[in-house]
Amino acid sequence: MRSRSPSQIALHLDPQTLRILVAIEDYSSFSAAAAAVNLVPSAVSRRIHELESAVGLELVKRSSR
């Protein structure tokens, strides 16, 4: 992944994305986090993927369980 400027990162780091990150940490599950923030799991996954692409780091460790 390629690192981007702080202004590009800020475009992806909005309050909703922060709520999603906190929910993922709290529930340890994309599905449970999605339910907690009233989104579908694919939207949560897409938001996190976009943020990870913007910062150039893996922020959430994914597993099949």
PDB file of N, CA and C in Angstrom:
ATOM      1  N   MET A   1       0.838  -1.186   0.000  1.00  0.00           N
ATOM      2  CA  MET A   1       0.000   0.000   0.000  1.00  0.00           C
ATOM      3  C   MET A   1       0.879   1.245   0.000  1.00  0.00           C
ATOM      4  N   ARG A   2       0.364   2.280  -0.618  1.00  0.00           N
ATOM      5  CA  ARG A   2       1.106   3.518  -0.732  1.00  0.00           C
ATOM      6  C   ARG A   2       0.602   4.538   0.276  1.00  0.00           C
ATOM      7  N   SER A   3       1.520   5.194   0.963  1.00  0.00           N
ATOM      8  CA  SER A   3       1.148   6.206   1.946  1.00  0.00           C
ATOM      9  C   SER A   3       0.705   7.482   1.237  1.00  0.00           C
ATOM     10  N   ARG A   4      -0.232   8.166   1.836  1.00  0.00           N
ATOM     11  CA  ARG A   4      -0.747   9.404   1.252  1.00  0.00           C
ATOM     12  C   ARG A   4      -0.557  10.558   2.212  1.00  0.00           C
ATOM     13  N   SER A   5      -0.856  11.764   1.731  1.00  0.00           N
ATOM     14  CA  SER A   5      -0.690  12.960   2.545  1.00  0.00           C
ATOM     15  C   SER A   5      -1.766  13.025   3.632  1.00  0.00           C
ATOM     16  N   PRO A   6      -1.498  13.785   4.698  1.00  0.00           N
ATOM     17  CA  PRO A   6      -2.498  13.921   5.772  1.00  0.00           C
ATOM     18  C   PRO A   6      -3.855  14.413   5.282  1.00  0.00           C
ATOM     19  N   SER A   7      -3.876  15.287   4.290  1.00  0.00           N
ATOM     20  CA  SER A   7      -5.165  15.783   3.799  1.00  0.00           C
ATOM     21  C   SER A   7      -5.951  14.675   3.096  1.00  0.00           C
ATOM     22  N   GLN A   8      -5.260  13.772   2.404  1.00  0.00           N
ATOM     23  CA  GLN A   8      -5.940  12.648   1.765  1.00  0.00           C
ATOM     24  C   GLN A   8      -6.471  11.680   2.814  1.00  0.00           C
ATOM     25  N   ILE A   9      -5.718  11.479   3.871  1.00  0.00           N
ATOM     26  CA  ILE A   9      -6.152  10.595   4.954  1.00  0.00           C
ATOM     27  C   ILE A   9      -7.377  11.194   5.639  1.00  0.00           C
ATOM     28  N   ALA A  10      -7.366  12.493   5.862  1.00  0.00           N
ATOM     29  CA  ALA A  10      -8.477  13.160   6.538  1.00  0.00           C
ATOM     30  C   ALA A  10      -9.789  12.977   5.787  1.00  0.00           C
ATOM     31  N   LEU A  11      -9.727  12.848   4.472  1.00  0.00           N
ATOM     32  CA  LEU A  11     -10.947  12.623   3.683  1.00  0.00           C
ATOM     33  C   LEU A  11     -11.626  11.318   4.077  1.00  0.00           C
ATOM     34  N   HIS A  12     -10.845  10.333   4.527  1.00  0.00           N
ATOM     35  CA  HIS A  12     -11.386   9.026   4.891  1.00  0.00           C
ATOM     36  C   HIS A  12     -11.613   8.870   6.388  1.00  0.00           C
ATOM     37  N   LEU A  13     -11.108   9.790   7.179  1.00  0.00           N
ATOM     38  CA  LEU A  13     -11.195   9.664   8.630  1.00  0.00           C
ATOM     39  C   LEU A  13     -12.268  10.617   9.171  1.00  0.00           C
ATOM     40  N   ASP A  14     -13.506  10.246   8.949  1.00  0.00           N
ATOM     41  CA  ASP A  14     -14.639  11.043   9.395  1.00  0.00           C
ATOM     42  C   ASP A  14     -15.246  10.406  10.647  1.00  0.00           C
ATOM     43  N   PRO A  15     -16.173  11.076  11.319  1.00  0.00           N
ATOM     44  CA  PRO A  15     -16.756  10.525  12.551  1.00  0.00           C
ATOM     45  C   PRO A  15     -17.389   9.136  12.372  1.00  0.00           C
ATOM     46  N   GLN A  16     -18.044   8.891  11.250  1.00  0.00           N
ATOM     47  CA  GLN A  16     -18.662   7.577  11.023  1.00  0.00           C
ATOM     48  C   GLN A  16     -17.589   6.486  10.946  1.00  0.00           C
ATOM     49  N   THR A  17     -16.502   6.748  10.258  1.00  0.00           N
ATOM     50  CA  THR A  17     -15.430   5.767  10.155  1.00  0.00           C
ATOM     51  C   THR A  17     -14.804   5.518  11.518  1.00  0.00           C
ATOM     52  N   LEU A  18     -14.659   6.546  12.327  1.00  0.00           N
ATOM     53  CA  LEU A  18     -14.143   6.367  13.685  1.00  0.00           C
ATOM     54  C   LEU A  18     -15.095   5.515  14.519  1.00  0.00           C
ATOM     55  N   ARG A  19     -16.409   5.739  14.383  1.00  0.00           N
ATOM     56  CA  ARG A  19     -17.390   4.908  15.094  1.00  0.00           C
ATOM     57  C   ARG A  19     -17.275   3.446  14.663  1.00  0.00           C
ATOM     58  N   ILE A  20     -17.055   3.235  13.368  1.00  0.00           N
ATOM     59  CA  ILE A  20     -16.893   1.876  12.857  1.00  0.00           C
ATOM     60  C   ILE A  20     -15.659   1.217  13.464  1.00  0.00           C
ATOM     61  N   LEU A  21     -14.537   1.931  13.495  1.00  0.00           N
ATOM     62  CA  LEU A  21     -13.312   1.378  14.081  1.00  0.00           C
ATOM     63  C   LEU A  21     -13.507   1.010  15.546  1.00  0.00           C
ATOM     64  N   VAL A  22     -14.165   1.874  16.292  1.00  0.00           N
ATOM     65  CA  VAL A  22     -14.424   1.596  17.706  1.00  0.00           C
ATOM     66  C   VAL A  22     -15.336   0.375  17.841  1.00  0.00           C
ATOM     67  N   ALA A  23     -16.348   0.287  17.010  1.00  0.00           N
ATOM     68  CA  ALA A  23     -17.270  -0.857  17.075  1.00  0.00           C
ATOM     69  C   ALA A  23     -16.549  -2.156  16.731  1.00  0.00           C
ATOM     70  N   ILE A  24     -15.650  -2.126  15.754  1.00  0.00           N
ATOM     71  CA  ILE A  24     -14.877  -3.326  15.416  1.00  0.00           C
ATOM     72  C   ILE A  24     -14.030  -3.745  16.605  1.00  0.00           C
ATOM     73  N   GLU A  25     -13.423  -2.787  17.263  1.00  0.00           N
ATOM     74  CA  GLU A  25     -12.626  -3.094  18.458  1.00  0.00           C
ATOM     75  C   GLU A  25     -13.509  -3.646  19.575  1.00  0.00           C
ATOM     76  N   ASP A  26     -14.655  -3.041  19.789  1.00  0.00           N
ATOM     77  CA  ASP A  26     -15.560  -3.474  20.866  1.00  0.00           C
ATOM     78  C   ASP A  26     -16.127  -4.873  20.622  1.00  0.00           C
ATOM     79  N   TYR A  27     -16.528  -5.156  19.389  1.00  0.00           N
ATOM     80  CA  TYR A  27     -17.229  -6.406  19.083  1.00  0.00           C
ATOM     81  C   TYR A  27     -16.340  -7.482  18.467  1.00  0.00           C
ATOM     82  N   SER A  28     -15.144  -7.115  18.041  1.00  0.00           N
ATOM     83  CA  SER A  28     -14.204  -8.062  17.398  1.00  0.00           C
ATOM     84  C   SER A  28     -14.829  -8.786  16.212  1.00  0.00           C
ATOM     85  N   SER A  29     -15.716  -8.086  15.512  1.00  0.00           N
ATOM     86  CA  SER A  29     -16.421  -8.699  14.392  1.00  0.00           C
ATOM     87  C   SER A  29     -16.944  -7.602  13.467  1.00  0.00           C
ATOM     88  N   PHE A  30     -16.702  -7.773  12.174  1.00  0.00           N
ATOM     89  CA  PHE A  30     -17.233  -6.802  11.217  1.00  0.00           C
ATOM     90  C   PHE A  30     -18.755  -6.847  11.214  1.00  0.00           C
ATOM     91  N   SER A  31     -19.329  -8.040  11.281  1.00  0.00           N
ATOM     92  CA  SER A  31     -20.790  -8.170  11.246  1.00  0.00           C
ATOM     93  C   SER A  31     -21.442  -7.526  12.460  1.00  0.00           C
ATOM     94  N   ALA A  32     -20.907  -7.804  13.639  1.00  0.00           N
ATOM     95  CA  ALA A  32     -21.468  -7.215  14.862  1.00  0.00           C
ATOM     96  C   ALA A  32     -21.252  -5.704  14.879  1.00  0.00           C
ATOM     97  N   ALA A  33     -20.099  -5.259  14.417  1.00  0.00           N
ATOM     98  CA  ALA A  33     -19.828  -3.819  14.349  1.00  0.00           C
ATOM     99  C   ALA A  33     -20.795  -3.140  13.384  1.00  0.00           C
ATOM    100  N   ALA A  34     -21.040  -3.784  12.250  1.00  0.00           N
ATOM    101  CA  ALA A  34     -21.974  -3.230  11.263  1.00  0.00           C
ATOM    102  C   ALA A  34     -23.364  -3.070  11.864  1.00  0.00           C
ATOM    103  N   ALA A  35     -23.813  -4.078  12.582  1.00  0.00           N
ATOM    104  CA  ALA A  35     -25.125  -3.995  13.229  1.00  0.00           C
ATOM    105  C   ALA A  35     -25.155  -2.873  14.255  1.00  0.00           C
ATOM    106  N   ALA A  36     -24.066  -2.703  14.986  1.00  0.00           N
ATOM    107  CA  ALA A  36     -24.008  -1.666  16.026  1.00  0.00           C
ATOM    108  C   ALA A  36     -24.062  -0.252  15.456  1.00  0.00           C
ATOM    109  N   VAL A  37     -23.526  -0.066  14.244  1.00  0.00           N
ATOM    110  CA  VAL A  37     -23.535   1.271  13.638  1.00  0.00           C
ATOM    111  C   VAL A  37     -24.564   1.388  12.517  1.00  0.00           C
ATOM    112  N   ASN A  38     -25.474   0.394  12.455  1.00  0.00           N
ATOM    113  CA  ASN A  38     -26.573   0.405  11.490  1.00  0.00           C
ATOM    114  C   ASN A  38     -26.126   0.472  10.032  1.00  0.00           C
ATOM    115  N   LEU A  39     -25.144  -0.356   9.696  1.00  0.00           N
ATOM    116  CA  LEU A  39     -24.680  -0.488   8.321  1.00  0.00           C
ATOM    117  C   LEU A  39     -24.629  -1.970   7.968  1.00  0.00           C
ATOM    118  N   VAL A  40     -24.546  -2.260   6.684  1.00  0.00           N
ATOM    119  CA  VAL A  40     -24.347  -3.645   6.266  1.00  0.00           C
ATOM    120  C   VAL A  40     -22.855  -3.954   6.347  1.00  0.00           C
ATOM    121  N   PRO A  41     -22.500  -5.218   6.592  1.00  0.00           N
ATOM    122  CA  PRO A  41     -21.083  -5.575   6.724  1.00  0.00           C
ATOM    123  C   PRO A  41     -20.214  -5.166   5.534  1.00  0.00           C
ATOM    124  N   SER A  42     -20.742  -5.230   4.334  1.00  0.00           N
ATOM    125  CA  SER A  42     -19.940  -4.842   3.162  1.00  0.00           C
ATOM    126  C   SER A  42     -19.576  -3.362   3.193  1.00  0.00           C
ATOM    127  N   ALA A  43     -20.457  -2.518   3.711  1.00  0.00           N
ATOM    128  CA  ALA A  43     -20.153  -1.085   3.828  1.00  0.00           C
ATOM    129  C   ALA A  43     -19.065  -0.845   4.866  1.00  0.00           C
ATOM    130  N   VAL A  44     -19.122  -1.590   5.963  1.00  0.00           N
ATOM    131  CA  VAL A  44     -18.085  -1.480   6.998  1.00  0.00           C
ATOM    132  C   VAL A  44     -16.745  -1.917   6.420  1.00  0.00           C
ATOM    133  N   SER A  45     -16.744  -3.026   5.734  1.00  0.00           N
ATOM    134  CA  SER A  45     -15.512  -3.536   5.132  1.00  0.00           C
ATOM    135  C   SER A  45     -14.930  -2.541   4.136  1.00  0.00           C
ATOM    136  N   ARG A  46     -15.791  -1.967   3.307  1.00  0.00           N
ATOM    137  CA  ARG A  46     -15.337  -0.999   2.307  1.00  0.00           C
ATOM    138  C   ARG A  46     -14.745   0.239   2.970  1.00  0.00           C
ATOM    139  N   ARG A  47     -15.401   0.750   4.007  1.00  0.00           N
ATOM    140  CA  ARG A  47     -14.888   1.927   4.721  1.00  0.00           C
ATOM    141  C   ARG A  47     -13.502   1.673   5.299  1.00  0.00           C
ATOM    142  N   ILE A  48     -13.346   0.521   5.934  1.00  0.00           N
ATOM    143  CA  ILE A  48     -12.065   0.191   6.549  1.00  0.00           C
ATOM    144  C   ILE A  48     -11.003  -0.009   5.482  1.00  0.00           C
ATOM    145  N   HIS A  49     -11.354  -0.672   4.396  1.00  0.00           N
ATOM    146  CA  HIS A  49     -10.405  -0.875   3.301  1.00  0.00           C
ATOM    147  C   HIS A  49      -9.945   0.463   2.729  1.00  0.00           C
ATOM    148  N   GLU A  50     -10.866   1.398   2.518  1.00  0.00           N
ATOM    149  CA  GLU A  50     -10.511   2.718   1.991  1.00  0.00           C
ATOM    150  C   GLU A  50      -9.589   3.468   2.944  1.00  0.00           C
ATOM    151  N   LEU A  51      -9.870   3.381   4.240  1.00  0.00           N
ATOM    152  CA  LEU A  51      -9.017   4.041   5.227  1.00  0.00           C
ATOM    153  C   LEU A  51      -7.631   3.403   5.242  1.00  0.00           C
ATOM    154  N   GLU A  52      -7.575   2.070   5.212  1.00  0.00           N
ATOM    155  CA  GLU A  52      -6.288   1.380   5.193  1.00  0.00           C
ATOM    156  C   GLU A  52      -5.490   1.755   3.953  1.00  0.00           C
ATOM    157  N   SER A  53      -6.151   1.870   2.825  1.00  0.00           N
ATOM    158  CA  SER A  53      -5.471   2.281   1.592  1.00  0.00           C
ATOM    159  C   SER A  53      -4.935   3.699   1.717  1.00  0.00           C
ATOM    160  N   ALA A  54      -5.703   4.571   2.352  1.00  0.00           N
ATOM    161  CA  ALA A  54      -5.284   5.965   2.506  1.00  0.00           C
ATOM    162  C   ALA A  54      -4.065   6.098   3.412  1.00  0.00           C
ATOM    163  N   VAL A  55      -4.034   5.330   4.507  1.00  0.00           N
ATOM    164  CA  VAL A  55      -2.903   5.453   5.440  1.00  0.00           C
ATOM    165  C   VAL A  55      -1.749   4.540   5.061  1.00  0.00           C
ATOM    166  N   GLY A  56      -2.005   3.557   4.214  1.00  0.00           N
ATOM    167  CA  GLY A  56      -0.951   2.657   3.792  1.00  0.00           C
ATOM    168  C   GLY A  56      -0.593   1.602   4.818  1.00  0.00           C
ATOM    169  N   LEU A  57      -1.528   1.304   5.720  1.00  0.00           N
ATOM    170  CA  LEU A  57      -1.311   0.313   6.771  1.00  0.00           C
ATOM    171  C   LEU A  57      -2.543  -0.559   6.940  1.00  0.00           C
ATOM    172  N   GLU A  58      -2.305  -1.789   7.418  1.00  0.00           N
ATOM    173  CA  GLU A  58      -3.420  -2.651   7.796  1.00  0.00           C
ATOM    174  C   GLU A  58      -3.834  -2.252   9.215  1.00  0.00           C
ATOM    175  N   LEU A  59      -5.038  -1.744   9.368  1.00  0.00           N
ATOM    176  CA  LEU A  59      -5.514  -1.274  10.672  1.00  0.00           C
ATOM    177  C   LEU A  59      -6.288  -2.346  11.428  1.00  0.00           C
ATOM    178  N   VAL A  60      -6.880  -3.281  10.692  1.00  0.00           N
ATOM    179  CA  VAL A  60      -7.694  -4.322  11.292  1.00  0.00           C
ATOM    180  C   VAL A  60      -7.189  -5.667  10.795  1.00  0.00           C
ATOM    181  N   LYS A  61      -6.871  -6.531  11.719  1.00  0.00           N
ATOM    182  CA  LYS A  61      -6.439  -7.878  11.354  1.00  0.00           C
ATOM    183  C   LYS A  61      -7.687  -8.693  11.046  1.00  0.00           C
ATOM    184  N   ARG A  62      -7.710  -9.279   9.867  1.00  0.00           N
ATOM    185  CA  ARG A  62      -8.882 -10.049   9.434  1.00  0.00           C
ATOM    186  C   ARG A  62      -8.602 -11.540   9.548  1.00  0.00           C
ATOM    187  N   SER A  63      -9.640 -12.262   9.903  1.00  0.00           N
ATOM    188  CA  SER A  63      -9.562 -13.719   9.918  1.00  0.00           C
ATOM    189  C   SER A  63     -10.915 -14.261   9.499  1.00  0.00           C
ATOM    190  N   SER A  64     -10.977 -15.551   9.268  1.00  0.00           N
ATOM    191  CA  SER A  64     -12.237 -16.144   8.847  1.00  0.00           C
ATOM    192  C   SER A  64     -13.210 -16.315  10.025  1.00  0.00           C
ATOM    193  N   ARG A  65     -12.717 -16.135  11.241  1.00  0.00           N
ATOM    194  CA  ARG A  65     -13.568 -16.262  12.428  1.00  0.00           C
ATOM    195  C   ARG A  65     -13.561 -14.991  13.212  1.00  0.00           C
TER     196      ARG A  65
END
